[in-house]
Amino acid sequence: MSNFQLDARQIVCILPKGKASIVVSGLIKDFDIHDANFYHARGVGKFSAKSSSGLGEQREKDILDVVVSKEQAEEIFDYIFHKAEMNKPHGGLVYMVKVPIMALMQLPEPSERVAGDD
């Protein structure tokens, strides 16, 4: 197995709070993808009710990030779009970029002998 993957795709989503965990669970269940990451942020909506006063309303967002092979990219992109219900108003934003080279990392298999056992 090579330690690198060439020509991968990174998919990044900005989602309403609570949506990313649903998508990550789906990626694990439906595609066996265990290396998606998400974290929380606050964002300002330009078209919120408070935007007329200058600064838009601050809302918490989920940021989802996953890197997949070029062959899987379109399928995963479409899956995320529909799983996160991004086709609804204020459903979020998703984009995909090329990743020229990606290091593949995997945890070693645990040994049966635990350190300190003699």
N, C-alpha and C. Protein backbone atom coordinates (compact mmCIF):
# COMPACT_ATOMS: atom_id res chain seq x y z
N MET A 1 0.84 -1.19 0.00
CA MET A 1 0.00 0.00 0.00
C MET A 1 0.88 1.24 0.00
N SER A 2 0.55 2.19 -0.84
CA SER A 2 1.29 3.44 -0.91
C SER A 2 0.99 4.30 0.31
N ASN A 3 1.95 5.11 0.71
CA ASN A 3 1.74 6.02 1.84
C ASN A 3 1.12 7.34 1.41
N PHE A 4 0.86 7.48 0.11
CA PHE A 4 0.30 8.71 -0.41
C PHE A 4 -0.84 8.42 -1.38
N GLN A 5 -1.79 9.34 -1.42
CA GLN A 5 -2.85 9.27 -2.41
C GLN A 5 -2.72 10.50 -3.28
N LEU A 6 -2.67 10.29 -4.58
CA LEU A 6 -2.54 11.39 -5.52
C LEU A 6 -3.91 11.81 -6.03
N ASP A 7 -4.06 13.09 -6.29
CA ASP A 7 -5.26 13.64 -6.93
C ASP A 7 -6.54 13.34 -6.15
N ALA A 8 -6.56 13.63 -4.86
CA ALA A 8 -7.75 13.47 -4.03
C ALA A 8 -8.59 14.75 -4.09
N ARG A 9 -9.71 14.74 -3.41
CA ARG A 9 -10.59 15.90 -3.35
C ARG A 9 -10.96 16.18 -1.89
N GLN A 10 -10.92 17.45 -1.52
CA GLN A 10 -11.34 17.88 -0.19
C GLN A 10 -12.71 18.52 -0.32
N ILE A 11 -13.66 18.06 0.48
CA ILE A 11 -15.01 18.62 0.49
C ILE A 11 -15.18 19.34 1.83
N VAL A 12 -15.56 20.60 1.76
CA VAL A 12 -15.75 21.43 2.96
C VAL A 12 -17.18 21.96 2.95
N CYS A 13 -17.84 21.87 4.10
CA CYS A 13 -19.22 22.34 4.24
C CYS A 13 -19.33 23.27 5.42
N ILE A 14 -20.11 24.31 5.27
CA ILE A 14 -20.51 25.18 6.38
C ILE A 14 -21.99 24.93 6.56
N LEU A 15 -22.34 24.34 7.71
CA LEU A 15 -23.69 23.85 7.94
C LEU A 15 -24.32 24.47 9.18
N PRO A 16 -25.65 24.47 9.26
CA PRO A 16 -26.29 24.88 10.50
C PRO A 16 -25.87 23.96 11.65
N LYS A 17 -25.84 24.49 12.85
CA LYS A 17 -25.41 23.72 14.02
C LYS A 17 -26.22 22.42 14.14
N GLY A 18 -25.51 21.32 14.36
CA GLY A 18 -26.14 20.03 14.55
C GLY A 18 -26.20 19.15 13.32
N LYS A 19 -25.97 19.71 12.14
CA LYS A 19 -26.07 18.93 10.90
C LYS A 19 -24.83 18.07 10.63
N ALA A 20 -23.66 18.55 11.02
CA ALA A 20 -22.43 17.83 10.68
C ALA A 20 -22.37 16.45 11.32
N SER A 21 -22.82 16.31 12.55
CA SER A 21 -22.77 15.01 13.21
C SER A 21 -23.65 13.99 12.50
N ILE A 22 -24.77 14.44 11.95
CA ILE A 22 -25.67 13.56 11.18
C ILE A 22 -24.97 13.09 9.91
N VAL A 23 -24.29 14.02 9.23
CA VAL A 23 -23.59 13.69 7.99
C VAL A 23 -22.43 12.74 8.26
N VAL A 24 -21.65 13.01 9.31
CA VAL A 24 -20.51 12.14 9.65
C VAL A 24 -21.00 10.73 9.97
N SER A 25 -22.08 10.61 10.73
CA SER A 25 -22.64 9.29 11.04
C SER A 25 -23.03 8.56 9.75
N GLY A 26 -23.61 9.30 8.81
CA GLY A 26 -23.98 8.71 7.53
C GLY A 26 -22.78 8.28 6.70
N LEU A 27 -21.72 9.09 6.71
CA LEU A 27 -20.51 8.73 5.97
C LEU A 27 -19.90 7.44 6.53
N ILE A 28 -19.93 7.28 7.85
CA ILE A 28 -19.41 6.07 8.47
C ILE A 28 -20.28 4.87 8.09
N LYS A 29 -21.59 5.03 8.24
CA LYS A 29 -22.52 3.92 7.99
C LYS A 29 -22.59 3.53 6.52
N ASP A 30 -22.72 4.51 5.64
CA ASP A 30 -22.98 4.23 4.23
C ASP A 30 -21.73 4.07 3.36
N PHE A 31 -20.59 4.67 3.79
CA PHE A 31 -19.39 4.64 2.95
C PHE A 31 -18.15 4.13 3.68
N ASP A 32 -18.28 3.83 4.96
CA ASP A 32 -17.14 3.38 5.78
C ASP A 32 -16.02 4.43 5.79
N ILE A 33 -16.41 5.70 5.77
CA ILE A 33 -15.44 6.80 5.85
C ILE A 33 -15.39 7.25 7.30
N HIS A 34 -14.24 7.03 7.95
CA HIS A 34 -14.09 7.33 9.37
C HIS A 34 -13.20 8.55 9.63
N ASP A 35 -12.72 9.18 8.60
CA ASP A 35 -11.77 10.28 8.82
C ASP A 35 -12.32 11.66 8.43
N ALA A 36 -13.63 11.83 8.52
CA ALA A 36 -14.22 13.15 8.34
C ALA A 36 -14.09 13.91 9.66
N ASN A 37 -13.87 15.19 9.58
CA ASN A 37 -13.74 16.03 10.78
C ASN A 37 -14.78 17.12 10.75
N PHE A 38 -15.25 17.50 11.95
CA PHE A 38 -16.08 18.69 12.02
C PHE A 38 -15.81 19.43 13.31
N TYR A 39 -16.04 20.72 13.26
CA TYR A 39 -15.84 21.58 14.41
C TYR A 39 -16.85 22.71 14.32
N HIS A 40 -16.90 23.52 15.37
CA HIS A 40 -17.92 24.56 15.47
C HIS A 40 -17.30 25.94 15.28
N ALA A 41 -18.11 26.85 14.76
CA ALA A 41 -17.68 28.23 14.56
C ALA A 41 -18.91 29.12 14.66
N ARG A 42 -18.68 30.40 14.71
CA ARG A 42 -19.78 31.37 14.68
C ARG A 42 -19.68 32.14 13.39
N GLY A 43 -20.82 32.40 12.79
CA GLY A 43 -20.84 33.14 11.55
C GLY A 43 -21.87 34.24 11.58
N VAL A 44 -21.71 35.18 10.69
CA VAL A 44 -22.64 36.29 10.58
C VAL A 44 -23.38 36.15 9.26
N GLY A 45 -24.71 36.10 9.35
CA GLY A 45 -25.53 35.96 8.16
C GLY A 45 -25.83 37.31 7.53
N LYS A 46 -25.53 37.47 6.28
CA LYS A 46 -25.75 38.75 5.60
C LYS A 46 -27.23 39.05 5.43
N PHE A 47 -28.03 38.02 5.25
CA PHE A 47 -29.44 38.24 4.95
C PHE A 47 -30.34 37.94 6.15
N SER A 48 -29.83 38.08 7.36
CA SER A 48 -30.67 37.86 8.53
C SER A 48 -31.46 39.13 8.85
N ALA A 49 -32.41 39.01 9.75
CA ALA A 49 -33.28 40.14 10.10
C ALA A 49 -32.50 41.30 10.69
N LYS A 50 -31.40 41.02 11.38
CA LYS A 50 -30.63 42.08 12.01
C LYS A 50 -29.59 42.71 11.08
N SER A 51 -29.50 42.21 9.85
CA SER A 51 -28.45 42.71 8.95
C SER A 51 -28.67 44.15 8.53
N SER A 52 -29.90 44.64 8.61
CA SER A 52 -30.16 46.03 8.21
C SER A 52 -29.51 47.03 9.16
N SER A 53 -29.18 46.59 10.39
CA SER A 53 -28.55 47.50 11.36
C SER A 53 -27.02 47.50 11.21
N GLY A 54 -26.50 46.81 10.23
CA GLY A 54 -25.06 46.81 9.98
C GLY A 54 -24.43 45.44 10.15
N LEU A 55 -24.47 44.89 11.36
CA LEU A 55 -23.87 43.59 11.61
C LEU A 55 -24.97 42.54 11.62
N GLY A 56 -24.76 41.48 10.88
CA GLY A 56 -25.76 40.42 10.83
C GLY A 56 -25.82 39.64 12.13
N GLU A 57 -26.83 38.82 12.24
CA GLU A 57 -27.03 38.00 13.43
C GLU A 57 -25.96 36.91 13.47
N GLN A 58 -25.36 36.72 14.65
CA GLN A 58 -24.35 35.68 14.80
C GLN A 58 -25.02 34.36 15.12
N ARG A 59 -24.63 33.32 14.41
CA ARG A 59 -25.17 31.98 14.63
C ARG A 59 -24.03 30.99 14.64
N GLU A 60 -24.24 29.93 15.42
CA GLU A 60 -23.24 28.86 15.44
C GLU A 60 -23.38 28.02 14.19
N LYS A 61 -22.24 27.59 13.69
CA LYS A 61 -22.19 26.77 12.48
C LYS A 61 -21.34 25.53 12.75
N ASP A 62 -21.57 24.50 11.96
CA ASP A 62 -20.70 23.33 11.93
C ASP A 62 -19.88 23.42 10.66
N ILE A 63 -18.59 23.17 10.77
CA ILE A 63 -17.70 23.11 9.61
C ILE A 63 -17.29 21.65 9.44
N LEU A 64 -17.62 21.07 8.31
CA LEU A 64 -17.33 19.66 8.02
C LEU A 64 -16.25 19.61 6.95
N ASP A 65 -15.28 18.73 7.15
CA ASP A 65 -14.14 18.61 6.25
C ASP A 65 -13.84 17.13 6.04
N VAL A 66 -13.81 16.70 4.79
CA VAL A 66 -13.48 15.30 4.48
C VAL A 66 -12.68 15.27 3.17
N VAL A 67 -11.68 14.39 3.13
CA VAL A 67 -10.89 14.21 1.91
C VAL A 67 -11.18 12.81 1.39
N VAL A 68 -11.53 12.73 0.10
CA VAL A 68 -11.89 11.46 -0.52
C VAL A 68 -11.14 11.30 -1.84
N SER A 69 -11.17 10.10 -2.37
CA SER A 69 -10.52 9.86 -3.66
C SER A 69 -11.26 10.59 -4.77
N LYS A 70 -10.55 10.82 -5.84
CA LYS A 70 -11.13 11.49 -7.01
C LYS A 70 -12.34 10.71 -7.54
N GLU A 71 -12.25 9.39 -7.48
CA GLU A 71 -13.32 8.53 -8.00
C GLU A 71 -14.60 8.62 -7.16
N GLN A 72 -14.47 8.83 -5.87
CA GLN A 72 -15.61 8.92 -4.96
C GLN A 72 -16.16 10.33 -4.81
N ALA A 73 -15.43 11.32 -5.23
CA ALA A 73 -15.71 12.71 -4.89
C ALA A 73 -17.12 13.17 -5.25
N GLU A 74 -17.56 12.95 -6.46
CA GLU A 74 -18.88 13.42 -6.89
C GLU A 74 -19.99 12.73 -6.10
N GLU A 75 -19.85 11.44 -5.88
CA GLU A 75 -20.86 10.69 -5.12
C GLU A 75 -20.95 11.18 -3.68
N ILE A 76 -19.81 11.40 -3.04
CA ILE A 76 -19.78 11.87 -1.65
C ILE A 76 -20.31 13.31 -1.57
N PHE A 77 -19.93 14.15 -2.52
CA PHE A 77 -20.42 15.53 -2.57
C PHE A 77 -21.95 15.55 -2.63
N ASP A 78 -22.52 14.76 -3.53
CA ASP A 78 -23.97 14.69 -3.69
C ASP A 78 -24.62 14.13 -2.42
N TYR A 79 -24.02 13.11 -1.83
CA TYR A 79 -24.54 12.51 -0.60
C TYR A 79 -24.60 13.55 0.52
N ILE A 80 -23.50 14.28 0.72
CA ILE A 80 -23.45 15.30 1.77
C ILE A 80 -24.49 16.38 1.52
N PHE A 81 -24.61 16.82 0.28
CA PHE A 81 -25.57 17.86 -0.07
C PHE A 81 -26.99 17.47 0.35
N HIS A 82 -27.37 16.24 0.05
CA HIS A 82 -28.73 15.80 0.37
C HIS A 82 -28.88 15.39 1.83
N LYS A 83 -27.89 14.75 2.41
CA LYS A 83 -27.96 14.32 3.81
C LYS A 83 -28.07 15.52 4.75
N ALA A 84 -27.36 16.59 4.43
CA ALA A 84 -27.38 17.81 5.26
C ALA A 84 -28.55 18.72 4.91
N GLU A 85 -29.38 18.31 3.95
CA GLU A 85 -30.53 19.09 3.51
C GLU A 85 -30.13 20.49 3.05
N MET A 86 -29.07 20.55 2.26
CA MET A 86 -28.57 21.84 1.79
C MET A 86 -29.43 22.42 0.68
N ASN A 87 -30.38 21.64 0.19
CA ASN A 87 -31.28 22.13 -0.85
C ASN A 87 -32.39 23.01 -0.28
N LYS A 88 -32.44 23.13 1.05
CA LYS A 88 -33.44 23.98 1.71
C LYS A 88 -32.84 25.36 2.00
N PRO A 89 -33.68 26.39 2.15
CA PRO A 89 -33.15 27.72 2.47
C PRO A 89 -32.30 27.70 3.74
N HIS A 90 -31.21 28.42 3.71
CA HIS A 90 -30.24 28.51 4.81
C HIS A 90 -29.66 27.14 5.16
N GLY A 91 -29.57 26.26 4.16
CA GLY A 91 -29.08 24.90 4.38
C GLY A 91 -27.57 24.81 4.47
N GLY A 92 -26.87 25.84 4.08
CA GLY A 92 -25.42 25.81 4.19
C GLY A 92 -24.72 26.01 2.87
N LEU A 93 -23.43 25.76 2.89
CA LEU A 93 -22.57 25.98 1.74
C LEU A 93 -21.61 24.80 1.65
N VAL A 94 -21.35 24.34 0.45
CA VAL A 94 -20.40 23.23 0.25
C VAL A 94 -19.54 23.54 -0.96
N TYR A 95 -18.26 23.19 -0.85
CA TYR A 95 -17.37 23.32 -2.00
C TYR A 95 -16.35 22.20 -1.99
N MET A 96 -15.74 21.97 -3.14
CA MET A 96 -14.77 20.89 -3.30
C MET A 96 -13.53 21.45 -4.00
N VAL A 97 -12.35 21.06 -3.50
CA VAL A 97 -11.09 21.49 -4.11
C VAL A 97 -10.18 20.29 -4.33
N LYS A 98 -9.25 20.43 -5.27
CA LYS A 98 -8.27 19.37 -5.53
C LYS A 98 -7.22 19.34 -4.43
N VAL A 99 -6.81 18.14 -4.08
CA VAL A 99 -5.70 17.93 -3.16
C VAL A 99 -4.65 17.15 -3.96
N PRO A 100 -3.57 17.79 -4.37
CA PRO A 100 -2.60 17.14 -5.26
C PRO A 100 -1.99 15.87 -4.67
N ILE A 101 -1.68 15.89 -3.37
CA ILE A 101 -1.09 14.72 -2.74
C ILE A 101 -1.50 14.71 -1.27
N MET A 102 -1.85 13.52 -0.78
CA MET A 102 -2.30 13.39 0.59
C MET A 102 -1.59 12.21 1.24
N ALA A 103 -1.05 12.42 2.43
CA ALA A 103 -0.41 11.34 3.17
C ALA A 103 -1.49 10.47 3.80
N LEU A 104 -1.37 9.17 3.63
CA LEU A 104 -2.30 8.22 4.24
C LEU A 104 -1.71 7.73 5.54
N MET A 105 -2.47 7.83 6.59
CA MET A 105 -2.00 7.39 7.90
C MET A 105 -2.99 6.41 8.49
N GLN A 106 -2.46 5.44 9.19
CA GLN A 106 -3.30 4.43 9.80
C GLN A 106 -2.68 4.00 11.11
N LEU A 107 -3.50 3.83 12.12
CA LEU A 107 -3.00 3.37 13.41
C LEU A 107 -2.55 1.92 13.27
N PRO A 108 -1.48 1.55 13.95
CA PRO A 108 -1.04 0.16 13.90
C PRO A 108 -2.03 -0.74 14.64
N GLU A 109 -2.07 -1.99 14.24
CA GLU A 109 -2.93 -2.96 14.92
C GLU A 109 -2.42 -3.15 16.35
N PRO A 110 -3.32 -3.18 17.31
CA PRO A 110 -2.86 -3.38 18.70
C PRO A 110 -2.29 -4.78 18.88
N SER A 111 -1.22 -4.85 19.63
CA SER A 111 -0.64 -6.17 19.89
C SER A 111 -1.38 -6.80 21.06
N GLU A 112 -1.29 -8.11 21.16
CA GLU A 112 -1.99 -8.80 22.23
C GLU A 112 -1.29 -8.60 23.56
N ARG A 113 -0.03 -8.33 23.52
CA ARG A 113 0.73 -8.13 24.75
C ARG A 113 0.69 -6.66 25.12
N VAL A 114 0.28 -6.36 26.32
CA VAL A 114 0.21 -4.99 26.81
C VAL A 114 1.52 -4.66 27.51
N ALA A 115 2.05 -3.46 27.28
CA ALA A 115 3.29 -3.04 27.92
C ALA A 115 3.17 -3.18 29.43
N GLY A 116 4.16 -3.74 30.06
CA GLY A 116 4.16 -3.91 31.51
C GLY A 116 3.74 -5.31 31.93
N ASP A 117 3.13 -6.08 31.01
CA ASP A 117 2.77 -7.48 31.34
C ASP A 117 3.99 -8.35 31.15
N ASP A 118 4.35 -9.07 32.17
CA ASP A 118 5.49 -9.99 32.05
C ASP A 118 5.13 -11.35 32.60
